[in-house]
Amino acid sequence: MSDIQWTPVIGLAFGIILGVVASFGGWGPFLIVLVLGVAGFLIGRIAESGEVNLSGLSMRRK
């Protein structure tokens, strides 16, 4: 169970939350949740590695 990739699971959960907020709250709350989610993601990346390195998120193969 230790080989679970959490990024797709977290992305799915975030997408579901954004969908619920958009359908019940409108565009204002949707944008607030989106901005706070991106801020939380960046803070998490900084806390994990000490820097913001988003190159590992691309799907390109070398």
N, C-alpha and C. Protein backbone atom coordinates (compact mmCIF):
# COMPACT_ATOMS: atom_id res chain seq x y z
N MET A 1 0.82 -1.20 0.00
CA MET A 1 0.00 0.00 0.00
C MET A 1 0.86 1.26 0.00
N SER A 2 2.15 1.11 0.19
CA SER A 2 3.03 2.27 0.24
C SER A 2 3.35 2.80 -1.15
N ASP A 3 2.97 2.08 -2.21
CA ASP A 3 3.28 2.53 -3.56
C ASP A 3 2.14 3.32 -4.21
N ILE A 4 1.22 3.83 -3.41
CA ILE A 4 0.11 4.63 -3.92
C ILE A 4 0.64 6.00 -4.34
N GLN A 5 0.25 6.44 -5.53
CA GLN A 5 0.60 7.79 -5.97
C GLN A 5 -0.53 8.72 -5.54
N TRP A 6 -0.21 9.63 -4.66
CA TRP A 6 -1.23 10.48 -4.04
C TRP A 6 -1.62 11.68 -4.90
N THR A 7 -0.78 12.08 -5.85
CA THR A 7 -1.09 13.27 -6.64
C THR A 7 -2.41 13.15 -7.40
N PRO A 8 -2.68 12.03 -8.10
CA PRO A 8 -3.99 11.94 -8.77
C PRO A 8 -5.17 11.91 -7.80
N VAL A 9 -5.00 11.31 -6.66
CA VAL A 9 -6.08 11.24 -5.67
C VAL A 9 -6.38 12.63 -5.12
N ILE A 10 -5.33 13.37 -4.81
CA ILE A 10 -5.52 14.73 -4.30
C ILE A 10 -6.12 15.62 -5.38
N GLY A 11 -5.66 15.45 -6.63
CA GLY A 11 -6.23 16.22 -7.74
C GLY A 11 -7.70 15.91 -7.96
N LEU A 12 -8.07 14.64 -7.84
CA LEU A 12 -9.47 14.26 -7.97
C LEU A 12 -10.32 14.87 -6.86
N ALA A 13 -9.83 14.81 -5.63
CA ALA A 13 -10.56 15.39 -4.50
C ALA A 13 -10.72 16.90 -4.68
N PHE A 14 -9.66 17.56 -5.11
CA PHE A 14 -9.73 19.01 -5.32
C PHE A 14 -10.72 19.34 -6.44
N GLY A 15 -10.74 18.54 -7.50
CA GLY A 15 -11.68 18.77 -8.59
C GLY A 15 -13.12 18.59 -8.15
N ILE A 16 -13.36 17.59 -7.32
CA ILE A 16 -14.72 17.37 -6.80
C ILE A 16 -15.15 18.53 -5.92
N ILE A 17 -14.24 18.99 -5.07
CA ILE A 17 -14.56 20.14 -4.21
C ILE A 17 -14.86 21.37 -5.05
N LEU A 18 -14.04 21.63 -6.08
CA LEU A 18 -14.30 22.78 -6.95
C LEU A 18 -15.64 22.65 -7.66
N GLY A 19 -15.98 21.45 -8.10
CA GLY A 19 -17.26 21.24 -8.76
C GLY A 19 -18.44 21.51 -7.85
N VAL A 20 -18.36 21.04 -6.61
CA VAL A 20 -19.44 21.26 -5.65
C VAL A 20 -19.57 22.74 -5.33
N VAL A 21 -18.44 23.40 -5.12
CA VAL A 21 -18.48 24.83 -4.81
C VAL A 21 -19.04 25.62 -5.99
N ALA A 22 -18.64 25.25 -7.21
CA ALA A 22 -19.13 25.97 -8.39
C ALA A 22 -20.63 25.76 -8.57
N SER A 23 -21.11 24.56 -8.31
CA SER A 23 -22.53 24.31 -8.55
C SER A 23 -23.43 24.92 -7.48
N PHE A 24 -22.95 25.00 -6.26
CA PHE A 24 -23.79 25.52 -5.18
C PHE A 24 -23.47 26.97 -4.79
N GLY A 25 -22.23 27.41 -5.03
CA GLY A 25 -21.83 28.71 -4.55
C GLY A 25 -21.73 29.79 -5.60
N GLY A 26 -21.51 29.41 -6.85
CA GLY A 26 -21.34 30.40 -7.90
C GLY A 26 -19.86 30.64 -8.19
N TRP A 27 -19.61 31.66 -9.00
CA TRP A 27 -18.24 31.92 -9.46
C TRP A 27 -17.35 32.54 -8.40
N GLY A 28 -17.88 33.36 -7.53
CA GLY A 28 -17.05 33.99 -6.49
C GLY A 28 -16.42 32.97 -5.56
N PRO A 29 -17.21 32.13 -4.92
CA PRO A 29 -16.63 31.10 -4.05
C PRO A 29 -15.76 30.11 -4.82
N PHE A 30 -16.12 29.81 -6.08
CA PHE A 30 -15.30 28.92 -6.90
C PHE A 30 -13.90 29.48 -7.07
N LEU A 31 -13.79 30.75 -7.40
CA LEU A 31 -12.48 31.37 -7.58
C LEU A 31 -11.70 31.45 -6.28
N ILE A 32 -12.39 31.70 -5.17
CA ILE A 32 -11.71 31.74 -3.87
C ILE A 32 -11.12 30.36 -3.54
N VAL A 33 -11.90 29.31 -3.75
CA VAL A 33 -11.40 27.96 -3.47
C VAL A 33 -10.26 27.62 -4.41
N LEU A 34 -10.35 28.01 -5.67
CA LEU A 34 -9.29 27.75 -6.64
C LEU A 34 -7.99 28.44 -6.24
N VAL A 35 -8.06 29.71 -5.89
CA VAL A 35 -6.86 30.46 -5.51
C VAL A 35 -6.25 29.91 -4.23
N LEU A 36 -7.09 29.62 -3.24
CA LEU A 36 -6.57 29.07 -1.99
C LEU A 36 -6.00 27.66 -2.19
N GLY A 37 -6.59 26.89 -3.08
CA GLY A 37 -6.05 25.56 -3.38
C GLY A 37 -4.68 25.64 -4.04
N VAL A 38 -4.52 26.56 -4.98
CA VAL A 38 -3.21 26.73 -5.63
C VAL A 38 -2.19 27.23 -4.61
N ALA A 39 -2.58 28.15 -3.75
CA ALA A 39 -1.67 28.64 -2.71
C ALA A 39 -1.27 27.51 -1.77
N GLY A 40 -2.22 26.68 -1.38
CA GLY A 40 -1.90 25.55 -0.52
C GLY A 40 -0.98 24.56 -1.20
N PHE A 41 -1.19 24.34 -2.49
CA PHE A 41 -0.32 23.45 -3.25
C PHE A 41 1.11 23.97 -3.27
N LEU A 42 1.26 25.26 -3.55
CA LEU A 42 2.61 25.84 -3.61
C LEU A 42 3.28 25.82 -2.24
N ILE A 43 2.54 26.11 -1.18
CA ILE A 43 3.10 26.05 0.17
C ILE A 43 3.52 24.63 0.51
N GLY A 44 2.72 23.65 0.11
CA GLY A 44 3.07 22.26 0.33
C GLY A 44 4.32 21.86 -0.42
N ARG A 45 4.48 22.33 -1.66
CA ARG A 45 5.69 22.03 -2.43
C ARG A 45 6.91 22.67 -1.78
N ILE A 46 6.77 23.89 -1.28
CA ILE A 46 7.89 24.56 -0.61
C ILE A 46 8.24 23.83 0.67
N ALA A 47 7.25 23.42 1.44
CA ALA A 47 7.52 22.71 2.70
C ALA A 47 8.15 21.35 2.44
N GLU A 48 7.80 20.70 1.34
CA GLU A 48 8.32 19.38 1.03
C GLU A 48 9.77 19.43 0.56
N SER A 49 10.09 20.36 -0.32
CA SER A 49 11.41 20.36 -0.93
C SER A 49 12.23 21.60 -0.63
N GLY A 50 11.63 22.61 -0.04
CA GLY A 50 12.36 23.84 0.26
C GLY A 50 12.42 24.80 -0.91
N GLU A 51 11.85 24.44 -2.05
CA GLU A 51 11.81 25.31 -3.21
C GLU A 51 10.59 24.97 -4.05
N VAL A 52 10.27 25.84 -4.99
CA VAL A 52 9.17 25.58 -5.90
C VAL A 52 9.77 25.10 -7.21
N ASN A 53 9.71 23.79 -7.42
CA ASN A 53 10.20 23.20 -8.65
C ASN A 53 9.04 22.47 -9.30
N LEU A 54 8.43 23.11 -10.28
CA LEU A 54 7.25 22.56 -10.92
C LEU A 54 7.59 21.75 -12.17
N SER A 55 8.87 21.59 -12.47
CA SER A 55 9.25 20.86 -13.68
C SER A 55 8.88 19.39 -13.59
N GLY A 56 8.79 18.83 -12.39
CA GLY A 56 8.42 17.44 -12.24
C GLY A 56 6.96 17.17 -12.49
N LEU A 57 6.15 18.19 -12.66
CA LEU A 57 4.72 18.02 -12.87
C LEU A 57 4.36 17.85 -14.34
N SER A 58 5.27 18.15 -15.24
CA SER A 58 4.96 18.05 -16.66
C SER A 58 4.94 16.59 -17.09
N MET A 59 4.23 16.32 -18.15
CA MET A 59 4.08 14.96 -18.66
C MET A 59 5.15 14.62 -19.71
N ARG A 60 6.02 15.55 -20.04
CA ARG A 60 7.04 15.30 -21.06
C ARG A 60 8.06 14.30 -20.58
N ARG A 61 8.50 13.49 -21.50
CA ARG A 61 9.56 12.54 -21.18
C ARG A 61 10.81 12.96 -21.92
N LYS A 62 11.92 12.75 -21.28
CA LYS A 62 13.20 13.15 -21.89
C LYS A 62 13.84 11.99 -22.59
